Amino acid sequence: MLTKASADTFIQIARKITRHVSKHISEDFRMLRRVASGLIALFVLAIVLTVWALRSDAIRDAENDTGNIAVVLSGQIARSIQSVDIILSDVRDQTKAQGTQTPNETDERIRSHDFYESLRGHLNRLTQADVIALIDNTGRVANSTSQWPRQVLTLPTANISSTSRMQATMAFI
């Protein structure tokens, strides 16, 4: 049987063991919390770095795409301007081929049906255009491929002389 002294000793030993175990469990739990917090911080950092890398890739891809689109558009614009330039050169050559003319004769020539047919021929070769309109030096439509005879054109009195582009062009000439 246990005596009172041995029971007290047993209780003291049990308390010491409990304190010792709880101290180690508490230290182990603290250590476990630190490790878990560190892992969570590491995961958050990995996620942030991944998102940042994806963002950088997306920005680089967008810049490349923008550059590619700009190259394609510049090529298309260059071809369109070249087509318009060829037509303007042909019109200039046609008027020069008529020889020296008075301004009235030139005006009559660019308003003629033959000139209309010539513009229609140019329009047929220019797939990206719907209408070619020739504007005289006063800013009025002199001839257009939209309809003949010119008297019933939908724009017989169209006047662009007040537009800023026409004023800049007239100032340049």
C-alpha atoms as a PDB file:
ATOM      1  CA  MET A   1       0.000   0.000   0.000  1.00  0.00           C
ATOM      2  CA  LEU A   2       0.956   3.542  -0.497  1.00  0.00           C
ATOM      3  CA  THR A   3       1.732   5.708   2.374  1.00  0.00           C
ATOM      4  CA  LYS A   4       0.838   9.307   2.538  1.00  0.00           C
ATOM      5  CA  ALA A   5       4.458  10.335   1.982  1.00  0.00           C
ATOM      6  CA  SER A   6       4.821   8.074  -0.999  1.00  0.00           C
ATOM      7  CA  ALA A   7       1.487   9.367  -2.412  1.00  0.00           C
ATOM      8  CA  ASP A   8       2.700  12.960  -2.032  1.00  0.00           C
ATOM      9  CA  THR A   9       5.946  12.042  -3.712  1.00  0.00           C
ATOM     10  CA  PHE A  10       4.042  10.350  -6.510  1.00  0.00           C
ATOM     11  CA  ILE A  11       1.878  13.466  -6.974  1.00  0.00           C
ATOM     12  CA  GLN A  12       4.932  15.736  -7.018  1.00  0.00           C
ATOM     13  CA  ILE A  13       6.637  13.519  -9.573  1.00  0.00           C
ATOM     14  CA  ALA A  14       3.449  13.484 -11.700  1.00  0.00           C
ATOM     15  CA  ARG A  15       3.268  17.284 -11.513  1.00  0.00           C
ATOM     16  CA  LYS A  16       6.928  17.629 -12.522  1.00  0.00           C
ATOM     17  CA  ILE A  17       6.395  15.240 -15.406  1.00  0.00           C
ATOM     18  CA  THR A  18       3.251  17.123 -16.474  1.00  0.00           C
ATOM     19  CA  ARG A  19       5.070  20.472 -16.293  1.00  0.00           C
ATOM     20  CA  HIS A  20       8.017  19.075 -18.172  1.00  0.00           C
ATOM     21  CA  VAL A  21       5.815  17.509 -20.866  1.00  0.00           C
ATOM     22  CA  SER A  22       3.621  20.590 -21.160  1.00  0.00           C
ATOM     23  CA  LYS A  23       6.737  22.794 -21.384  1.00  0.00           C
ATOM     24  CA  HIS A  24       8.066  20.639 -24.228  1.00  0.00           C
ATOM     25  CA  ILE A  25       4.646  20.502 -25.890  1.00  0.00           C
ATOM     26  CA  SER A  26       4.345  24.282 -25.591  1.00  0.00           C
ATOM     27  CA  GLU A  27       7.846  24.749 -27.059  1.00  0.00           C
ATOM     28  CA  ASP A  28       7.074  22.235 -29.803  1.00  0.00           C
ATOM     29  CA  PHE A  29       3.776  24.007 -30.547  1.00  0.00           C
ATOM     30  CA  ARG A  30       5.565  27.378 -30.725  1.00  0.00           C
ATOM     31  CA  MET A  31       8.128  25.881 -33.043  1.00  0.00           C
ATOM     32  CA  LEU A  32       5.345  24.366 -35.156  1.00  0.00           C
ATOM     33  CA  ARG A  33       3.604  27.749 -35.357  1.00  0.00           C
ATOM     34  CA  ARG A  34       6.862  29.400 -36.454  1.00  0.00           C
ATOM     35  CA  VAL A  35       7.436  26.784 -39.137  1.00  0.00           C
ATOM     36  CA  ALA A  36       3.816  27.100 -40.349  1.00  0.00           C
ATOM     37  CA  SER A  37       4.078  30.910 -40.427  1.00  0.00           C
ATOM     38  CA  GLY A  38       7.334  30.675 -42.353  1.00  0.00           C
ATOM     39  CA  LEU A  39       5.822  28.277 -44.874  1.00  0.00           C
ATOM     40  CA  ILE A  40       2.772  30.510 -45.337  1.00  0.00           C
ATOM     41  CA  ALA A  41       5.042  33.523 -45.885  1.00  0.00           C
ATOM     42  CA  LEU A  42       7.104  31.500 -48.381  1.00  0.00           C
ATOM     43  CA  PHE A  43       3.946  30.442 -50.273  1.00  0.00           C
ATOM     44  CA  VAL A  44       2.676  34.028 -50.387  1.00  0.00           C
ATOM     45  CA  LEU A  45       6.060  35.193 -51.693  1.00  0.00           C
ATOM     46  CA  ALA A  46       6.034  32.465 -54.359  1.00  0.00           C
ATOM     47  CA  ILE A  47       2.531  33.503 -55.451  1.00  0.00           C
ATOM     48  CA  VAL A  48       3.517  37.182 -55.610  1.00  0.00           C
ATOM     49  CA  LEU A  49       6.631  36.376 -57.662  1.00  0.00           C
ATOM     50  CA  THR A  50       4.598  34.170 -60.013  1.00  0.00           C
ATOM     51  CA  VAL A  51       1.971  36.867 -60.541  1.00  0.00           C
ATOM     52  CA  TRP A  52       4.719  39.454 -61.133  1.00  0.00           C
ATOM     53  CA  ALA A  53       6.426  37.211 -63.694  1.00  0.00           C
ATOM     54  CA  LEU A  54       3.113  36.572 -65.488  1.00  0.00           C
ATOM     55  CA  ARG A  55       2.427  40.311 -65.518  1.00  0.00           C
ATOM     56  CA  SER A  56       5.864  41.006 -67.007  1.00  0.00           C
ATOM     57  CA  ASP A  57       5.286  38.337 -69.668  1.00  0.00           C
ATOM     58  CA  ALA A  58       1.885  39.817 -70.521  1.00  0.00           C
ATOM     59  CA  ILE A  59       3.370  43.312 -70.854  1.00  0.00           C
ATOM     60  CA  ARG A  60       6.193  42.037 -73.073  1.00  0.00           C
ATOM     61  CA  ASP A  61       3.710  40.102 -75.246  1.00  0.00           C
ATOM     62  CA  ALA A  62       1.471  43.163 -75.548  1.00  0.00           C
ATOM     63  CA  GLU A  63       4.441  45.314 -76.605  1.00  0.00           C
ATOM     64  CA  ASN A  64       5.438  42.731 -79.220  1.00  0.00           C
ATOM     65  CA  ASP A  65       1.861  42.503 -80.503  1.00  0.00           C
ATOM     66  CA  THR A  66       1.609  46.294 -80.677  1.00  0.00           C
ATOM     67  CA  GLY A  67       4.837  46.455 -82.637  1.00  0.00           C
ATOM     68  CA  ASN A  68       3.639  43.757 -85.033  1.00  0.00           C
ATOM     69  CA  ILE A  69       0.313  45.515 -85.579  1.00  0.00           C
ATOM     70  CA  ALA A  70       2.126  48.797 -86.183  1.00  0.00           C
ATOM     71  CA  VAL A  71       4.316  47.155 -88.837  1.00  0.00           C
ATOM     72  CA  VAL A  72       1.294  45.641 -90.592  1.00  0.00           C
ATOM     73  CA  LEU A  73      -0.652  48.904 -90.481  1.00  0.00           C
ATOM     74  CA  SER A  74       2.293  50.936 -91.726  1.00  0.00           C
ATOM     75  CA  GLY A  75       2.653  48.572 -94.668  1.00  0.00           C
ATOM     76  CA  GLN A  76      -1.035  48.881 -95.521  1.00  0.00           C
ATOM     77  CA  ILE A  77      -0.941  52.665 -95.204  1.00  0.00           C
ATOM     78  CA  ALA A  78       2.164  52.821 -97.394  1.00  0.00           C
ATOM     79  CA  ARG A  79       0.440  50.741-100.088  1.00  0.00           C
ATOM     80  CA  SER A  80      -2.677  52.937 -99.904  1.00  0.00           C
ATOM     81  CA  ILE A  81      -0.656  56.130-100.171  1.00  0.00           C
ATOM     82  CA  GLN A  82       1.349  54.654-103.032  1.00  0.00           C
ATOM     83  CA  SER A  83      -1.885  53.829-104.882  1.00  0.00           C
ATOM     84  CA  VAL A  84      -3.206  57.356-104.382  1.00  0.00           C
ATOM     85  CA  ASP A  85       0.154  58.777-105.466  1.00  0.00           C
ATOM     86  CA  ILE A  86       0.086  56.695-108.655  1.00  0.00           C
ATOM     87  CA  ILE A  87      -3.399  57.969-109.472  1.00  0.00           C
ATOM     88  CA  LEU A  88      -2.377  61.574-108.789  1.00  0.00           C
ATOM     89  CA  SER A  89       0.687  61.140-110.996  1.00  0.00           C
ATOM     90  CA  ASP A  90      -1.458  59.684-113.783  1.00  0.00           C
ATOM     91  CA  VAL A  91      -3.933  62.576-113.515  1.00  0.00           C
ATOM     92  CA  ARG A  92      -1.076  65.073-113.599  1.00  0.00           C
ATOM     93  CA  ASP A  93       0.461  63.313-116.615  1.00  0.00           C
ATOM     94  CA  GLN A  94      -2.898  63.299-118.416  1.00  0.00           C
ATOM     95  CA  THR A  95      -3.342  67.026-117.926  1.00  0.00           C
ATOM     96  CA  LYS A  96       0.249  67.729-119.004  1.00  0.00           C
ATOM     97  CA  ALA A  97      -0.184  65.519-122.086  1.00  0.00           C
ATOM     98  CA  GLN A  98      -2.881  67.898-123.300  1.00  0.00           C
ATOM     99  CA  GLY A  99      -0.215  70.540-123.706  1.00  0.00           C
ATOM    100  CA  THR A 100      -0.273  74.057-122.404  1.00  0.00           C
ATOM    101  CA  GLN A 101      -3.803  75.036-121.514  1.00  0.00           C
ATOM    102  CA  THR A 102      -5.495  78.016-120.016  1.00  0.00           C
ATOM    103  CA  PRO A 103      -7.007  77.590-116.574  1.00  0.00           C
ATOM    104  CA  ASN A 104     -10.477  77.477-118.175  1.00  0.00           C
ATOM    105  CA  GLU A 105      -9.409  74.731-120.594  1.00  0.00           C
ATOM    106  CA  THR A 106      -7.896  72.727-117.724  1.00  0.00           C
ATOM    107  CA  ASP A 107     -11.072  73.218-115.717  1.00  0.00           C
ATOM    108  CA  GLU A 108     -13.203  72.023-118.648  1.00  0.00           C
ATOM    109  CA  ARG A 109     -10.893  69.033-119.134  1.00  0.00           C
ATOM    110  CA  ILE A 110     -11.095  67.831-115.526  1.00  0.00           C
ATOM    111  CA  ARG A 111     -14.887  68.223-115.593  1.00  0.00           C
ATOM    112  CA  SER A 112     -15.305  66.239-118.845  1.00  0.00           C
ATOM    113  CA  HIS A 113     -16.814  62.790-119.379  1.00  0.00           C
ATOM    114  CA  ASP A 114     -13.467  61.489-120.722  1.00  0.00           C
ATOM    115  CA  PHE A 115     -11.832  62.508-117.467  1.00  0.00           C
ATOM    116  CA  TYR A 116     -14.681  60.845-115.566  1.00  0.00           C
ATOM    117  CA  GLU A 117     -14.025  57.606-117.501  1.00  0.00           C
ATOM    118  CA  SER A 118     -10.324  57.897-116.735  1.00  0.00           C
ATOM    119  CA  LEU A 119     -11.085  58.282-113.021  1.00  0.00           C
ATOM    120  CA  ARG A 120     -13.410  55.234-113.211  1.00  0.00           C
ATOM    121  CA  GLY A 121     -10.536  53.233-114.718  1.00  0.00           C
ATOM    122  CA  HIS A 122      -8.281  54.268-111.841  1.00  0.00           C
ATOM    123  CA  LEU A 123     -10.995  53.409-109.330  1.00  0.00           C
ATOM    124  CA  ASN A 124     -11.364  49.905-110.764  1.00  0.00           C
ATOM    125  CA  ARG A 125      -7.652  49.305-110.111  1.00  0.00           C
ATOM    126  CA  LEU A 126      -7.855  50.783-106.609  1.00  0.00           C
ATOM    127  CA  THR A 127      -9.680  48.085-104.630  1.00  0.00           C
ATOM    128  CA  GLN A 128      -9.582  49.865-101.284  1.00  0.00           C
ATOM    129  CA  ALA A 129     -11.450  52.964-102.540  1.00  0.00           C
ATOM    130  CA  ASP A 130     -15.138  53.455-103.235  1.00  0.00           C
ATOM    131  CA  VAL A 131     -15.031  56.901-104.845  1.00  0.00           C
ATOM    132  CA  ILE A 132     -12.420  59.160-106.366  1.00  0.00           C
ATOM    133  CA  ALA A 133     -13.301  62.836-106.220  1.00  0.00           C
ATOM    134  CA  LEU A 134     -11.292  65.590-107.840  1.00  0.00           C
ATOM    135  CA  ILE A 135     -11.432  68.900-105.975  1.00  0.00           C
ATOM    136  CA  ASP A 136     -10.689  72.102-107.859  1.00  0.00           C
ATOM    137  CA  ASN A 137      -8.636  75.017-106.558  1.00  0.00           C
ATOM    138  CA  THR A 138     -11.728  76.650-105.033  1.00  0.00           C
ATOM    139  CA  GLY A 139     -12.554  73.617-102.906  1.00  0.00           C
ATOM    140  CA  ARG A 140     -15.479  72.403-105.016  1.00  0.00           C
ATOM    141  CA  VAL A 141     -15.920  68.893-106.444  1.00  0.00           C
ATOM    142  CA  ALA A 142     -14.789  69.133-110.079  1.00  0.00           C
ATOM    143  CA  ASN A 143     -15.369  65.488-111.001  1.00  0.00           C
ATOM    144  CA  SER A 144     -16.229  62.321-109.141  1.00  0.00           C
ATOM    145  CA  THR A 145     -16.585  58.633-109.911  1.00  0.00           C
ATOM    146  CA  SER A 146     -19.806  58.408-107.909  1.00  0.00           C
ATOM    147  CA  GLN A 147     -22.143  59.280-110.819  1.00  0.00           C
ATOM    148  CA  TRP A 148     -22.315  60.782-114.295  1.00  0.00           C
ATOM    149  CA  PRO A 149     -23.465  63.195-115.606  1.00  0.00           C
ATOM    150  CA  ARG A 150     -21.878  65.462-113.095  1.00  0.00           C
ATOM    151  CA  GLN A 151     -24.914  67.760-112.977  1.00  0.00           C
ATOM    152  CA  VAL A 152     -26.891  65.147-111.046  1.00  0.00           C
ATOM    153  CA  LEU A 153     -24.107  64.172-108.708  1.00  0.00           C
ATOM    154  CA  THR A 154     -25.111  63.901-105.101  1.00  0.00           C
ATOM    155  CA  LEU A 155     -22.305  66.375-104.328  1.00  0.00           C
ATOM    156  CA  PRO A 156     -22.496  68.961-107.140  1.00  0.00           C
ATOM    157  CA  THR A 157     -22.072  71.860-104.768  1.00  0.00           C
ATOM    158  CA  ALA A 158     -19.901  70.178-102.169  1.00  0.00           C
ATOM    159  CA  ASN A 159     -17.471  72.761-100.957  1.00  0.00           C
ATOM    160  CA  ILE A 160     -14.556  71.923 -98.696  1.00  0.00           C
ATOM    161  CA  SER A 161     -12.802  75.267 -99.031  1.00  0.00           C
ATOM    162  CA  SER A 162     -13.609  76.170 -95.427  1.00  0.00           C
ATOM    163  CA  THR A 163     -12.059  73.023 -93.956  1.00  0.00           C
ATOM    164  CA  SER A 164      -8.745  73.319 -92.186  1.00  0.00           C
ATOM    165  CA  ARG A 165      -7.100  70.773 -94.510  1.00  0.00           C
ATOM    166  CA  MET A 166      -8.107  72.658 -97.639  1.00  0.00           C
ATOM    167  CA  GLN A 167      -6.921  75.952 -96.142  1.00  0.00           C
ATOM    168  CA  ALA A 168      -3.595  74.355 -95.199  1.00  0.00           C
ATOM    169  CA  THR A 169      -3.260  72.889 -98.692  1.00  0.00           C
ATOM    170  CA  MET A 170      -4.022  76.240-100.317  1.00  0.00           C
ATOM    171  CA  ALA A 171      -1.496  77.953 -98.053  1.00  0.00           C
ATOM    172  CA  PHE A 172       1.106  75.362 -99.032  1.00  0.00           C
ATOM    173  CA  ILE A 173       0.479  75.837-102.748  1.00  0.00           C
END
